[in-house]
Amino acid sequence: MKPKLVSDSATVVTDLVLPGETNPLNNLFGGELLARMDRAASITARRHSRRVCVTASVNHVAFNRAIPLGSVVTIEARISRAFNTSMEVFIDVWIEDRESGIKNKANEAIFTFVAVDETGRPVEIPQIVPETELETQRFEAALRRKQLSLVLAGKLKPAEATELKALFQ
């Protein structure tokens, strides 16, 4: 299977925060943002694998800034690393200042998706080739995150987590 570039499957979704999507403080509900991130990441995973993809886990979410009513929100989703049948998708969330148009990073998340066939069984996917320094950093860190997740789930012995050992030696 021919590897793909990160840019081949990147997804950018821009939307507006409406009144029915906000909490009593007039900020976007966290669950609404999670749903938007999941949709963008799902599109990215599908573009990469050309298969139906299911959300396997939400590995990290950081709600660093509130997103006020009326904000223009841009969600950028990119594959950070593809494994055998799963892929990690890194999501950046930006808010655009209504007056200046300047974008500021508000939140980020990391989701894992698995590509499946018509019967729901995992299928092999192409690898990715990072092009930028940021893509390379995220690519390298993805293996450490995966190994840590497997160790915590009891699916990998700590002694076998080669990438984690490298951090502590």
N, C-alpha and C. Protein backbone atom coordinates (compact mmCIF):
# COMPACT_ATOMS: atom_id res chain seq x y z
N MET A 1 0.84 -1.17 0.00
CA MET A 1 0.00 0.00 0.00
C MET A 1 0.89 1.25 0.00
N LYS A 2 0.62 2.16 -0.89
CA LYS A 2 1.43 3.36 -1.02
C LYS A 2 1.15 4.34 0.12
N PRO A 3 2.20 4.82 0.81
CA PRO A 3 2.00 5.81 1.88
C PRO A 3 1.41 7.10 1.32
N LYS A 4 0.74 7.85 2.19
CA LYS A 4 0.11 9.11 1.80
C LYS A 4 0.70 10.25 2.61
N LEU A 5 0.55 11.45 2.09
CA LEU A 5 0.98 12.64 2.80
C LEU A 5 -0.11 13.04 3.81
N VAL A 6 0.29 13.70 4.87
CA VAL A 6 -0.66 14.19 5.86
C VAL A 6 -1.65 15.13 5.18
N SER A 7 -1.15 15.95 4.29
CA SER A 7 -2.00 16.95 3.61
C SER A 7 -3.07 16.32 2.72
N ASP A 8 -2.88 15.06 2.32
CA ASP A 8 -3.86 14.39 1.45
C ASP A 8 -5.22 14.23 2.12
N SER A 9 -5.25 14.15 3.44
CA SER A 9 -6.52 13.88 4.13
C SER A 9 -6.93 14.97 5.11
N ALA A 10 -6.18 16.06 5.15
CA ALA A 10 -6.48 17.13 6.10
C ALA A 10 -7.90 17.66 5.89
N THR A 11 -8.56 17.98 6.99
CA THR A 11 -9.92 18.50 6.94
C THR A 11 -9.99 19.79 7.74
N VAL A 12 -10.63 20.80 7.15
CA VAL A 12 -10.83 22.07 7.83
C VAL A 12 -12.32 22.38 7.78
N VAL A 13 -12.92 22.56 8.97
CA VAL A 13 -14.34 22.86 9.07
C VAL A 13 -14.48 24.18 9.83
N THR A 14 -15.20 25.12 9.24
CA THR A 14 -15.44 26.41 9.89
C THR A 14 -16.94 26.58 10.10
N ASP A 15 -17.30 27.03 11.30
CA ASP A 15 -18.71 27.17 11.65
C ASP A 15 -18.86 28.32 12.65
N LEU A 16 -20.09 28.66 12.92
CA LEU A 16 -20.45 29.74 13.83
C LEU A 16 -21.08 29.16 15.09
N VAL A 17 -20.81 29.76 16.25
CA VAL A 17 -21.43 29.32 17.50
C VAL A 17 -22.78 30.03 17.63
N LEU A 18 -23.85 29.24 17.66
CA LEU A 18 -25.22 29.77 17.73
C LEU A 18 -25.77 29.66 19.16
N PRO A 19 -26.82 30.41 19.48
CA PRO A 19 -27.36 30.43 20.86
C PRO A 19 -27.75 29.05 21.41
N GLY A 20 -28.32 28.19 20.61
CA GLY A 20 -28.74 26.87 21.09
C GLY A 20 -27.60 25.92 21.38
N GLU A 21 -26.36 26.34 21.11
CA GLU A 21 -25.18 25.50 21.33
C GLU A 21 -24.34 25.96 22.51
N THR A 22 -24.91 26.89 23.29
CA THR A 22 -24.12 27.47 24.38
C THR A 22 -24.69 27.13 25.76
N ASN A 23 -23.81 27.24 26.74
CA ASN A 23 -24.18 27.01 28.14
C ASN A 23 -24.68 28.32 28.76
N PRO A 24 -25.05 28.32 30.05
CA PRO A 24 -25.55 29.56 30.68
C PRO A 24 -24.54 30.72 30.68
N LEU A 25 -23.26 30.43 30.45
CA LEU A 25 -22.26 31.50 30.38
C LEU A 25 -22.08 32.02 28.95
N ASN A 26 -22.94 31.54 28.04
CA ASN A 26 -22.89 31.90 26.62
C ASN A 26 -21.60 31.46 25.93
N ASN A 27 -21.08 30.31 26.35
CA ASN A 27 -19.92 29.69 25.71
C ASN A 27 -20.36 28.36 25.11
N LEU A 28 -19.70 27.95 24.05
CA LEU A 28 -20.01 26.70 23.38
C LEU A 28 -19.92 25.53 24.36
N PHE A 29 -20.95 24.68 24.38
CA PHE A 29 -20.93 23.47 25.20
C PHE A 29 -19.72 22.61 24.81
N GLY A 30 -19.05 22.03 25.80
CA GLY A 30 -17.93 21.14 25.53
C GLY A 30 -18.35 19.95 24.68
N GLY A 31 -19.53 19.41 24.96
CA GLY A 31 -20.03 18.27 24.18
C GLY A 31 -20.28 18.62 22.73
N GLU A 32 -20.73 19.83 22.48
CA GLU A 32 -20.93 20.29 21.11
C GLU A 32 -19.60 20.39 20.38
N LEU A 33 -18.58 20.91 21.07
CA LEU A 33 -17.25 20.98 20.46
C LEU A 33 -16.71 19.58 20.19
N LEU A 34 -16.90 18.66 21.13
CA LEU A 34 -16.45 17.27 20.93
C LEU A 34 -17.11 16.66 19.69
N ALA A 35 -18.40 16.90 19.52
CA ALA A 35 -19.11 16.36 18.35
C ALA A 35 -18.54 16.94 17.06
N ARG A 36 -18.26 18.24 17.06
CA ARG A 36 -17.68 18.87 15.87
C ARG A 36 -16.30 18.31 15.56
N MET A 37 -15.50 18.11 16.62
CA MET A 37 -14.16 17.55 16.43
C MET A 37 -14.25 16.12 15.91
N ASP A 38 -15.17 15.33 16.45
CA ASP A 38 -15.34 13.94 16.02
C ASP A 38 -15.72 13.87 14.54
N ARG A 39 -16.60 14.75 14.10
CA ARG A 39 -17.00 14.76 12.69
C ARG A 39 -15.83 15.11 11.78
N ALA A 40 -15.08 16.15 12.15
CA ALA A 40 -13.93 16.56 11.33
C ALA A 40 -12.88 15.45 11.29
N ALA A 41 -12.60 14.84 12.45
CA ALA A 41 -11.61 13.77 12.52
C ALA A 41 -12.07 12.54 11.73
N SER A 42 -13.36 12.26 11.77
CA SER A 42 -13.92 11.14 11.02
C SER A 42 -13.74 11.33 9.52
N ILE A 43 -13.96 12.53 9.05
CA ILE A 43 -13.75 12.83 7.63
C ILE A 43 -12.29 12.62 7.25
N THR A 44 -11.39 13.09 8.12
CA THR A 44 -9.96 12.93 7.87
C THR A 44 -9.58 11.45 7.81
N ALA A 45 -10.07 10.67 8.77
CA ALA A 45 -9.76 9.23 8.80
C ALA A 45 -10.30 8.53 7.55
N ARG A 46 -11.50 8.89 7.14
CA ARG A 46 -12.10 8.30 5.94
C ARG A 46 -11.31 8.68 4.69
N ARG A 47 -10.91 9.93 4.60
CA ARG A 47 -10.10 10.36 3.45
C ARG A 47 -8.78 9.61 3.38
N HIS A 48 -8.18 9.38 4.54
CA HIS A 48 -6.89 8.67 4.55
C HIS A 48 -7.04 7.21 4.16
N SER A 49 -7.99 6.55 4.77
CA SER A 49 -8.12 5.10 4.59
C SER A 49 -9.00 4.70 3.42
N ARG A 50 -9.90 5.61 3.00
CA ARG A 50 -10.92 5.30 1.98
C ARG A 50 -11.79 4.13 2.44
N ARG A 51 -12.01 4.07 3.75
CA ARG A 51 -12.85 3.06 4.38
C ARG A 51 -13.76 3.72 5.40
N VAL A 52 -14.79 2.99 5.82
CA VAL A 52 -15.58 3.44 6.95
C VAL A 52 -14.66 3.42 8.16
N CYS A 53 -14.73 4.45 8.99
CA CYS A 53 -13.87 4.53 10.17
C CYS A 53 -14.73 4.76 11.41
N VAL A 54 -14.35 4.11 12.48
CA VAL A 54 -15.07 4.26 13.74
C VAL A 54 -14.14 4.89 14.78
N THR A 55 -14.72 5.70 15.64
CA THR A 55 -13.95 6.32 16.71
C THR A 55 -13.61 5.23 17.72
N ALA A 56 -12.33 4.98 17.92
CA ALA A 56 -11.90 3.96 18.88
C ALA A 56 -11.67 4.57 20.26
N SER A 57 -11.14 5.79 20.29
CA SER A 57 -10.91 6.45 21.58
C SER A 57 -10.70 7.94 21.39
N VAL A 58 -10.99 8.65 22.46
CA VAL A 58 -10.64 10.06 22.56
C VAL A 58 -9.50 10.07 23.56
N ASN A 59 -8.30 10.26 23.04
CA ASN A 59 -7.11 10.10 23.87
C ASN A 59 -6.76 11.33 24.69
N HIS A 60 -7.14 12.48 24.18
CA HIS A 60 -6.78 13.73 24.86
C HIS A 60 -7.70 14.83 24.37
N VAL A 61 -8.18 15.64 25.29
CA VAL A 61 -8.94 16.84 24.93
C VAL A 61 -8.50 17.92 25.90
N ALA A 62 -8.16 19.08 25.37
CA ALA A 62 -7.81 20.22 26.21
C ALA A 62 -8.74 21.37 25.87
N PHE A 63 -9.56 21.76 26.83
CA PHE A 63 -10.43 22.92 26.67
C PHE A 63 -9.67 24.10 27.28
N ASN A 64 -8.80 24.70 26.50
CA ASN A 64 -7.93 25.76 27.01
C ASN A 64 -8.59 27.13 27.06
N ARG A 65 -9.50 27.38 26.13
CA ARG A 65 -10.17 28.68 26.08
C ARG A 65 -11.65 28.47 25.83
N ALA A 66 -12.46 29.29 26.48
CA ALA A 66 -13.90 29.26 26.21
C ALA A 66 -14.14 29.80 24.80
N ILE A 67 -15.19 29.29 24.16
CA ILE A 67 -15.55 29.74 22.82
C ILE A 67 -16.90 30.44 22.93
N PRO A 68 -16.90 31.77 22.89
CA PRO A 68 -18.13 32.53 23.13
C PRO A 68 -19.14 32.47 21.99
N LEU A 69 -20.38 32.72 22.36
CA LEU A 69 -21.48 32.83 21.41
C LEU A 69 -21.09 33.80 20.28
N GLY A 70 -21.40 33.40 19.06
CA GLY A 70 -21.11 34.24 17.90
C GLY A 70 -19.73 34.06 17.33
N SER A 71 -18.88 33.28 17.99
CA SER A 71 -17.51 33.07 17.49
C SER A 71 -17.52 32.28 16.20
N VAL A 72 -16.53 32.57 15.37
CA VAL A 72 -16.26 31.75 14.20
C VAL A 72 -15.21 30.74 14.65
N VAL A 73 -15.55 29.45 14.54
CA VAL A 73 -14.69 28.37 15.01
C VAL A 73 -14.19 27.58 13.82
N THR A 74 -12.87 27.35 13.78
CA THR A 74 -12.28 26.53 12.72
C THR A 74 -11.62 25.32 13.36
N ILE A 75 -12.00 24.15 12.87
CA ILE A 75 -11.44 22.88 13.36
C ILE A 75 -10.58 22.30 12.26
N GLU A 76 -9.32 22.03 12.58
CA GLU A 76 -8.39 21.44 11.63
C GLU A 76 -8.02 20.04 12.13
N ALA A 77 -8.27 19.04 11.31
CA ALA A 77 -7.97 17.65 11.68
C ALA A 77 -6.96 17.07 10.70
N ARG A 78 -5.93 16.44 11.24
CA ARG A 78 -4.88 15.84 10.41
C ARG A 78 -4.44 14.51 11.02
N ILE A 79 -4.14 13.55 10.17
CA ILE A 79 -3.58 12.29 10.65
C ILE A 79 -2.20 12.58 11.20
N SER A 80 -1.94 12.18 12.44
CA SER A 80 -0.59 12.35 12.99
C SER A 80 0.23 11.09 12.77
N ARG A 81 -0.44 9.93 12.75
CA ARG A 81 0.27 8.68 12.45
C ARG A 81 -0.75 7.61 12.11
N ALA A 82 -0.37 6.77 11.14
CA ALA A 82 -1.19 5.61 10.80
C ALA A 82 -0.44 4.37 11.27
N PHE A 83 -1.18 3.47 11.88
CA PHE A 83 -0.59 2.21 12.31
C PHE A 83 -1.09 1.13 11.36
N ASN A 84 -1.33 -0.07 11.81
CA ASN A 84 -1.77 -1.14 10.91
C ASN A 84 -3.21 -0.92 10.44
N THR A 85 -4.13 -0.80 11.39
CA THR A 85 -5.54 -0.59 11.04
C THR A 85 -6.09 0.68 11.70
N SER A 86 -5.32 1.26 12.60
CA SER A 86 -5.78 2.46 13.31
C SER A 86 -4.97 3.67 12.90
N MET A 87 -5.54 4.82 13.19
CA MET A 87 -4.83 6.07 12.91
C MET A 87 -5.15 7.08 14.00
N GLU A 88 -4.13 7.84 14.36
CA GLU A 88 -4.31 8.90 15.33
C GLU A 88 -4.57 10.19 14.55
N VAL A 89 -5.59 10.93 14.99
CA VAL A 89 -5.95 12.19 14.35
C VAL A 89 -5.75 13.30 15.37
N PHE A 90 -4.94 14.28 15.01
CA PHE A 90 -4.68 15.43 15.88
C PHE A 90 -5.58 16.55 15.41
N ILE A 91 -6.27 17.20 16.37
CA ILE A 91 -7.25 18.22 16.04
C ILE A 91 -6.86 19.53 16.73
N ASP A 92 -6.81 20.60 15.95
CA ASP A 92 -6.57 21.94 16.47
C ASP A 92 -7.85 22.75 16.29
N VAL A 93 -8.24 23.49 17.32
CA VAL A 93 -9.45 24.31 17.26
C VAL A 93 -9.03 25.78 17.41
N TRP A 94 -9.50 26.59 16.47
CA TRP A 94 -9.14 28.01 16.42
C TRP A 94 -10.40 28.87 16.54
N ILE A 95 -10.27 30.02 17.22
CA ILE A 95 -11.36 30.99 17.22
C ILE A 95 -10.85 32.23 16.51
N GLU A 96 -11.73 32.77 15.70
CA GLU A 96 -11.38 33.95 14.92
C GLU A 96 -11.95 35.19 15.61
N ASP A 97 -11.09 36.16 15.86
CA ASP A 97 -11.54 37.42 16.45
C ASP A 97 -12.46 38.12 15.46
N ARG A 98 -13.64 38.48 15.92
CA ARG A 98 -14.66 39.06 15.02
C ARG A 98 -14.24 40.42 14.46
N GLU A 99 -13.45 41.15 15.20
CA GLU A 99 -13.04 42.48 14.76
C GLU A 99 -11.82 42.42 13.84
N SER A 100 -10.75 41.75 14.29
CA SER A 100 -9.49 41.77 13.54
C SER A 100 -9.33 40.62 12.55
N GLY A 101 -10.06 39.53 12.77
CA GLY A 101 -9.90 38.35 11.92
C GLY A 101 -8.73 37.48 12.33
N ILE A 102 -8.02 37.86 13.39
CA ILE A 102 -6.87 37.08 13.87
C ILE A 102 -7.38 35.79 14.53
N LYS A 103 -6.73 34.68 14.19
CA LYS A 103 -7.11 33.39 14.76
C LYS A 103 -6.21 33.06 15.94
N ASN A 104 -6.82 32.57 17.02
CA ASN A 104 -6.10 32.13 18.21
C ASN A 104 -6.49 30.69 18.50
N LYS A 105 -5.49 29.90 18.89
CA LYS A 105 -5.78 28.50 19.22
C LYS A 105 -6.56 28.44 20.52
N ALA A 106 -7.68 27.72 20.49
CA ALA A 106 -8.54 27.61 21.66
C ALA A 106 -8.42 26.26 22.34
N ASN A 107 -8.38 25.21 21.54
CA ASN A 107 -8.41 23.85 22.08
C ASN A 107 -7.67 22.90 21.15
N GLU A 108 -7.44 21.70 21.65
CA GLU A 108 -6.86 20.64 20.82
C GLU A 108 -7.33 19.30 21.36
N ALA A 109 -7.22 18.30 20.51
CA ALA A 109 -7.63 16.95 20.90
C ALA A 109 -6.89 15.93 20.06
N ILE A 110 -6.87 14.71 20.55
CA ILE A 110 -6.30 13.59 19.82
C ILE A 110 -7.31 12.45 19.88
N PHE A 111 -7.75 12.00 18.72
CA PHE A 111 -8.70 10.89 18.61
C PHE A 111 -8.00 9.74 17.89
N THR A 112 -8.47 8.52 18.15
CA THR A 112 -7.99 7.36 17.42
C THR A 112 -9.17 6.73 16.69
N PHE A 113 -8.96 6.43 15.42
CA PHE A 113 -9.98 5.80 14.57
C PHE A 113 -9.45 4.48 14.06
N VAL A 114 -10.37 3.57 13.78
CA VAL A 114 -10.03 2.29 13.17
C VAL A 114 -10.83 2.17 11.88
N ALA A 115 -10.13 1.79 10.81
CA ALA A 115 -10.79 1.56 9.51
C ALA A 115 -11.36 0.15 9.52
N VAL A 116 -12.60 0.01 9.05
CA VAL A 116 -13.26 -1.30 9.05
C VAL A 116 -13.85 -1.61 7.68
N ASP A 117 -14.09 -2.91 7.46
CA ASP A 117 -14.75 -3.34 6.22
C ASP A 117 -16.26 -3.36 6.43
N GLU A 118 -16.99 -3.91 5.47
CA GLU A 118 -18.46 -3.94 5.52
C GLU A 118 -19.01 -4.73 6.70
N THR A 119 -18.21 -5.63 7.24
CA THR A 119 -18.66 -6.44 8.38
C THR A 119 -18.19 -5.88 9.72
N GLY A 120 -17.48 -4.76 9.68
CA GLY A 120 -17.00 -4.14 10.90
C GLY A 120 -15.65 -4.65 11.36
N ARG A 121 -14.97 -5.43 10.53
CA ARG A 121 -13.64 -5.94 10.90
C ARG A 121 -12.56 -4.95 10.49
N PRO A 122 -11.56 -4.75 11.35
CA PRO A 122 -10.48 -3.82 11.01
C PRO A 122 -9.75 -4.23 9.73
N VAL A 123 -9.37 -3.23 8.94
CA VAL A 123 -8.65 -3.46 7.69
C VAL A 123 -7.37 -2.62 7.67
N GLU A 124 -6.39 -3.10 6.95
CA GLU A 124 -5.11 -2.42 6.83
C GLU A 124 -5.27 -1.08 6.12
N ILE A 125 -4.46 -0.12 6.56
CA ILE A 125 -4.52 1.22 5.97
C ILE A 125 -3.12 1.66 5.56
N PRO A 126 -3.05 2.67 4.68
CA PRO A 126 -1.73 3.17 4.27
C PRO A 126 -1.03 3.91 5.41
N GLN A 127 0.26 3.95 5.36
CA GLN A 127 1.06 4.73 6.31
C GLN A 127 1.03 6.19 5.86
N ILE A 128 1.56 7.08 6.70
CA ILE A 128 1.64 8.48 6.29
C ILE A 128 3.09 8.93 6.25
N VAL A 129 3.31 9.98 5.49
CA VAL A 129 4.63 10.60 5.40
C VAL A 129 4.49 12.04 5.89
N PRO A 130 5.07 12.35 7.05
CA PRO A 130 5.01 13.73 7.52
C PRO A 130 5.89 14.62 6.65
N GLU A 131 5.43 15.84 6.41
CA GLU A 131 6.18 16.76 5.56
C GLU A 131 6.80 17.92 6.34
N THR A 132 6.10 18.41 7.36
CA THR A 132 6.58 19.58 8.09
C THR A 132 7.20 19.16 9.42
N GLU A 133 7.86 20.12 10.07
CA GLU A 133 8.46 19.84 11.37
C GLU A 133 7.38 19.47 12.40
N LEU A 134 6.26 20.20 12.39
CA LEU A 134 5.17 19.89 13.31
C LEU A 134 4.60 18.50 13.04
N GLU A 135 4.39 18.15 11.78
CA GLU A 135 3.89 16.82 11.43
C GLU A 135 4.86 15.73 11.89
N THR A 136 6.15 15.99 11.77
CA THR A 136 7.16 15.02 12.20
C THR A 136 7.13 14.86 13.72
N GLN A 137 7.00 15.97 14.45
CA GLN A 137 6.92 15.90 15.92
C GLN A 137 5.70 15.09 16.35
N ARG A 138 4.56 15.38 15.73
CA ARG A 138 3.33 14.66 16.09
C ARG A 138 3.43 13.19 15.70
N PHE A 139 4.04 12.89 14.57
CA PHE A 139 4.23 11.52 14.10
C PHE A 139 5.05 10.73 15.12
N GLU A 140 6.16 11.29 15.54
CA GLU A 140 7.04 10.60 16.49
C GLU A 140 6.37 10.43 17.85
N ALA A 141 5.67 11.44 18.31
CA ALA A 141 5.01 11.37 19.62
C ALA A 141 3.84 10.39 19.61
N ALA A 142 3.23 10.16 18.46
CA ALA A 142 2.07 9.26 18.38
C ALA A 142 2.42 7.84 18.82
N LEU A 143 3.60 7.37 18.49
CA LEU A 143 3.98 6.02 18.90
C LEU A 143 4.13 5.95 20.42
N ARG A 144 4.68 6.98 21.02
CA ARG A 144 4.79 7.01 22.50
C ARG A 144 3.40 7.00 23.13
N ARG A 145 2.49 7.81 22.56
CA ARG A 145 1.13 7.85 23.11
C ARG A 145 0.44 6.49 22.97
N LYS A 146 0.65 5.84 21.82
CA LYS A 146 0.01 4.53 21.61
C LYS A 146 0.57 3.51 22.60
N GLN A 147 1.89 3.49 22.77
CA GLN A 147 2.47 2.53 23.70
C GLN A 147 2.01 2.79 25.13
N LEU A 148 1.93 4.05 25.52
CA LEU A 148 1.45 4.37 26.87
C LEU A 148 0.01 3.90 27.05
N SER A 149 -0.81 4.13 26.07
CA SER A 149 -2.21 3.69 26.12
C SER A 149 -2.30 2.17 26.26
N LEU A 150 -1.49 1.46 25.50
CA LEU A 150 -1.49 -0.01 25.56
C LEU A 150 -0.99 -0.52 26.91
N VAL A 151 0.01 0.15 27.48
CA VAL A 151 0.51 -0.25 28.80
C VAL A 151 -0.58 -0.02 29.85
N LEU A 152 -1.21 1.14 29.81
CA LEU A 152 -2.27 1.44 30.78
C LEU A 152 -3.45 0.50 30.66
N ALA A 153 -3.72 0.01 29.44
CA ALA A 153 -4.84 -0.92 29.22
C ALA A 153 -4.44 -2.36 29.52
N GLY A 154 -3.18 -2.58 29.87
CA GLY A 154 -2.72 -3.93 30.16
C GLY A 154 -2.50 -4.78 28.92
N LYS A 155 -2.40 -4.16 27.76
CA LYS A 155 -2.21 -4.89 26.50
C LYS A 155 -0.76 -4.94 26.06
N LEU A 156 0.10 -4.22 26.77
CA LEU A 156 1.53 -4.20 26.47
C LEU A 156 2.27 -4.14 27.79
N LYS A 157 3.28 -4.98 27.94
CA LYS A 157 4.08 -4.96 29.16
C LYS A 157 4.98 -3.73 29.15
N PRO A 158 5.12 -3.06 30.28
CA PRO A 158 5.97 -1.86 30.32
C PRO A 158 7.37 -2.10 29.76
N ALA A 159 7.92 -3.28 29.99
CA ALA A 159 9.26 -3.58 29.49
C ALA A 159 9.32 -3.63 27.96
N GLU A 160 8.17 -3.83 27.32
CA GLU A 160 8.12 -3.92 25.86
C GLU A 160 7.82 -2.57 25.20
N ALA A 161 7.58 -1.56 26.00
CA ALA A 161 7.25 -0.23 25.47
C ALA A 161 8.55 0.51 25.14
N THR A 162 9.11 0.19 23.99
CA THR A 162 10.43 0.70 23.60
C THR A 162 10.49 2.22 23.57
N GLU A 163 9.47 2.86 23.10
CA GLU A 163 9.47 4.32 22.99
C GLU A 163 9.40 4.97 24.37
N LEU A 164 8.71 4.34 25.29
CA LEU A 164 8.60 4.89 26.63
C LEU A 164 9.93 4.72 27.39
N LYS A 165 10.58 3.61 27.17
CA LYS A 165 11.89 3.39 27.80
C LYS A 165 12.86 4.48 27.39
N ALA A 166 12.81 4.85 26.11
CA ALA A 166 13.73 5.87 25.60
C ALA A 166 13.54 7.21 26.30
N LEU A 167 12.33 7.49 26.77
CA LEU A 167 12.08 8.74 27.48
C LEU A 167 12.75 8.78 28.85
N PHE A 168 12.91 7.61 29.47
CA PHE A 168 13.39 7.56 30.84
C PHE A 168 14.83 7.08 30.97
N GLN A 169 15.49 6.82 29.88
CA GLN A 169 16.88 6.35 29.96
C GLN A 169 17.85 7.38 29.46
